[in-house]
Amino acid sequence: MSKKIPVSVPQPPLQTPFSGLSREGLPERPANPESPAVRRRPRIVLRRERSQRGGKTVIIASQFPTHLSAREIEDLSRDARMALGCGGFIQEREIAIQGEQAERVRRHFEGLGYEVAGP
């Protein structure tokens, strides 16, 4: 005959393999641990192009992180055009911003948390 366990009465916890461990002697954990994703910012590269554009200068933002979808890059492009007050377009995961304004484009993307390389 099997012994039935009453379910209406609170049961003592089962034995756990970690019950004999203690925190004594262990180092304290840091107050503000940084995850690897927080330490390293995503990187993009800026370059200045003038060829085959009728003498007009454009700033190309390229090498976006691979986890960004085409829709997110399109949103970044729209935000950059609105913030900088200029035209631009997207071509094969690259954002082209019209005009000689590399420093403004750099500041915009650094403000969004990107590490910017290039002019």
Protein backbone atom coordinates (compact mmCIF):
# COMPACT_ATOMS: atom_id res chain seq x y z
CA MET A 1 0.00 0.00 0.00
CA SER A 2 1.41 3.40 -0.99
CA LYS A 3 1.78 6.18 1.48
CA LYS A 4 -0.20 9.25 0.42
CA ILE A 5 1.09 12.74 1.01
CA PRO A 6 -1.55 15.16 2.30
CA VAL A 7 -1.73 18.21 0.02
CA SER A 8 -3.68 20.45 2.38
CA VAL A 9 -0.83 20.60 4.93
CA PRO A 10 2.29 22.69 4.09
CA GLN A 11 5.18 20.38 3.24
CA PRO A 12 8.83 20.88 4.21
CA PRO A 13 11.00 21.77 1.22
CA LEU A 14 12.85 19.00 -0.53
CA GLN A 15 16.56 18.71 0.06
CA THR A 16 18.51 20.90 -2.34
CA PRO A 17 22.10 20.28 -3.42
CA PHE A 18 23.01 23.89 -2.53
CA SER A 19 21.71 23.88 1.04
CA GLY A 20 25.20 23.33 2.51
CA LEU A 21 26.78 26.31 0.73
CA SER A 22 27.42 29.63 2.42
CA ARG A 23 28.51 33.07 1.23
CA GLU A 24 31.16 33.40 3.87
CA GLY A 25 34.64 33.88 2.43
CA LEU A 26 33.42 34.90 -1.01
CA PRO A 27 34.36 38.32 -2.43
CA GLU A 28 31.67 40.97 -2.63
CA ARG A 29 30.30 41.58 -6.09
CA PRO A 30 30.84 45.01 -7.65
CA ALA A 31 28.13 47.55 -6.93
CA ASN A 32 27.59 48.42 -10.61
CA PRO A 33 28.62 45.56 -12.91
CA GLU A 34 28.89 46.51 -16.57
CA SER A 35 27.76 44.08 -19.20
CA PRO A 36 29.99 43.66 -22.29
CA ALA A 37 27.28 45.23 -24.46
CA VAL A 38 27.35 48.44 -22.39
CA ARG A 39 31.13 48.85 -22.58
CA ARG A 40 31.40 48.55 -26.35
CA ARG A 41 29.34 50.86 -28.51
CA PRO A 42 28.34 49.88 -32.05
CA ARG A 43 30.67 51.36 -34.68
CA ILE A 44 29.85 53.06 -37.98
CA VAL A 45 32.16 54.56 -40.57
CA LEU A 46 31.71 57.93 -42.29
CA ARG A 47 33.26 58.79 -45.64
CA ARG A 48 33.06 61.80 -47.93
CA GLU A 49 32.20 61.19 -51.60
CA ARG A 50 32.07 63.54 -54.52
CA SER A 51 32.60 61.32 -57.57
CA GLN A 52 29.72 60.89 -60.04
CA ARG A 53 27.59 63.37 -58.12
CA GLY A 54 28.05 66.46 -60.27
CA GLY A 55 30.57 68.02 -57.89
CA LYS A 56 28.19 67.79 -54.93
CA THR A 57 29.47 66.31 -51.68
CA VAL A 58 27.66 63.62 -49.70
CA ILE A 59 28.59 61.98 -46.42
CA ILE A 60 28.13 58.20 -46.45
CA ALA A 61 27.46 56.41 -43.14
CA SER A 62 28.23 52.72 -43.57
CA GLN A 63 29.13 49.47 -41.78
CA PHE A 64 26.10 49.48 -39.51
CA PRO A 65 25.86 46.54 -37.08
CA THR A 66 24.48 43.42 -38.72
CA HIS A 67 21.66 43.08 -36.17
CA LEU A 68 20.00 46.26 -37.52
CA SER A 69 17.25 45.52 -40.01
CA ALA A 70 16.66 47.51 -43.19
CA ARG A 71 13.68 49.15 -41.49
CA GLU A 72 15.82 50.33 -38.55
CA ILE A 73 18.43 51.76 -40.93
CA GLU A 74 15.64 53.55 -42.77
CA ASP A 75 14.45 55.01 -39.46
CA LEU A 76 18.01 56.13 -38.64
CA SER A 77 18.21 57.82 -42.04
CA ARG A 78 14.92 59.63 -41.55
CA ASP A 79 15.94 60.80 -38.08
CA ALA A 80 19.31 62.04 -39.36
CA ARG A 81 17.72 63.96 -42.25
CA MET A 82 15.20 65.57 -39.92
CA ALA A 83 17.81 66.46 -37.27
CA LEU A 84 20.30 67.85 -39.80
CA GLY A 85 17.73 69.56 -42.03
CA CYS A 86 19.03 68.10 -45.26
CA GLY A 87 18.29 65.49 -47.89
CA GLY A 88 19.64 62.02 -48.18
CA PHE A 89 18.93 58.48 -49.26
CA ILE A 90 19.67 54.85 -48.46
CA GLN A 91 21.68 52.60 -50.75
CA GLU A 92 22.62 49.01 -49.79
CA ARG A 93 22.71 49.44 -45.97
CA GLU A 94 24.44 52.81 -46.30
CA ILE A 95 22.98 56.21 -45.51
CA ALA A 96 23.97 59.11 -47.77
CA ILE A 97 23.52 62.60 -46.29
CA GLN A 98 23.67 65.49 -48.75
CA GLY A 99 26.07 68.34 -48.14
CA GLU A 100 29.49 68.99 -46.62
CA GLN A 101 28.54 68.45 -42.98
CA ALA A 102 30.64 65.57 -41.72
CA GLU A 103 31.03 67.05 -38.22
CA ARG A 104 27.28 67.48 -37.77
CA VAL A 105 26.65 63.91 -38.97
CA ARG A 106 29.33 62.68 -36.54
CA ARG A 107 27.76 64.52 -33.59
CA HIS A 108 24.30 63.20 -34.50
CA PHE A 109 25.37 59.55 -34.55
CA GLU A 110 27.54 59.92 -31.43
CA GLY A 111 24.49 61.35 -29.70
CA LEU A 112 22.64 58.15 -30.61
CA GLY A 113 25.38 56.08 -28.94
CA TYR A 114 27.47 55.03 -31.93
CA GLU A 115 31.25 55.09 -32.11
CA VAL A 116 31.99 57.02 -35.31
CA ALA A 117 35.12 56.58 -37.44
CA GLY A 118 36.05 58.67 -40.46
CA PRO A 119 35.98 62.38 -41.30
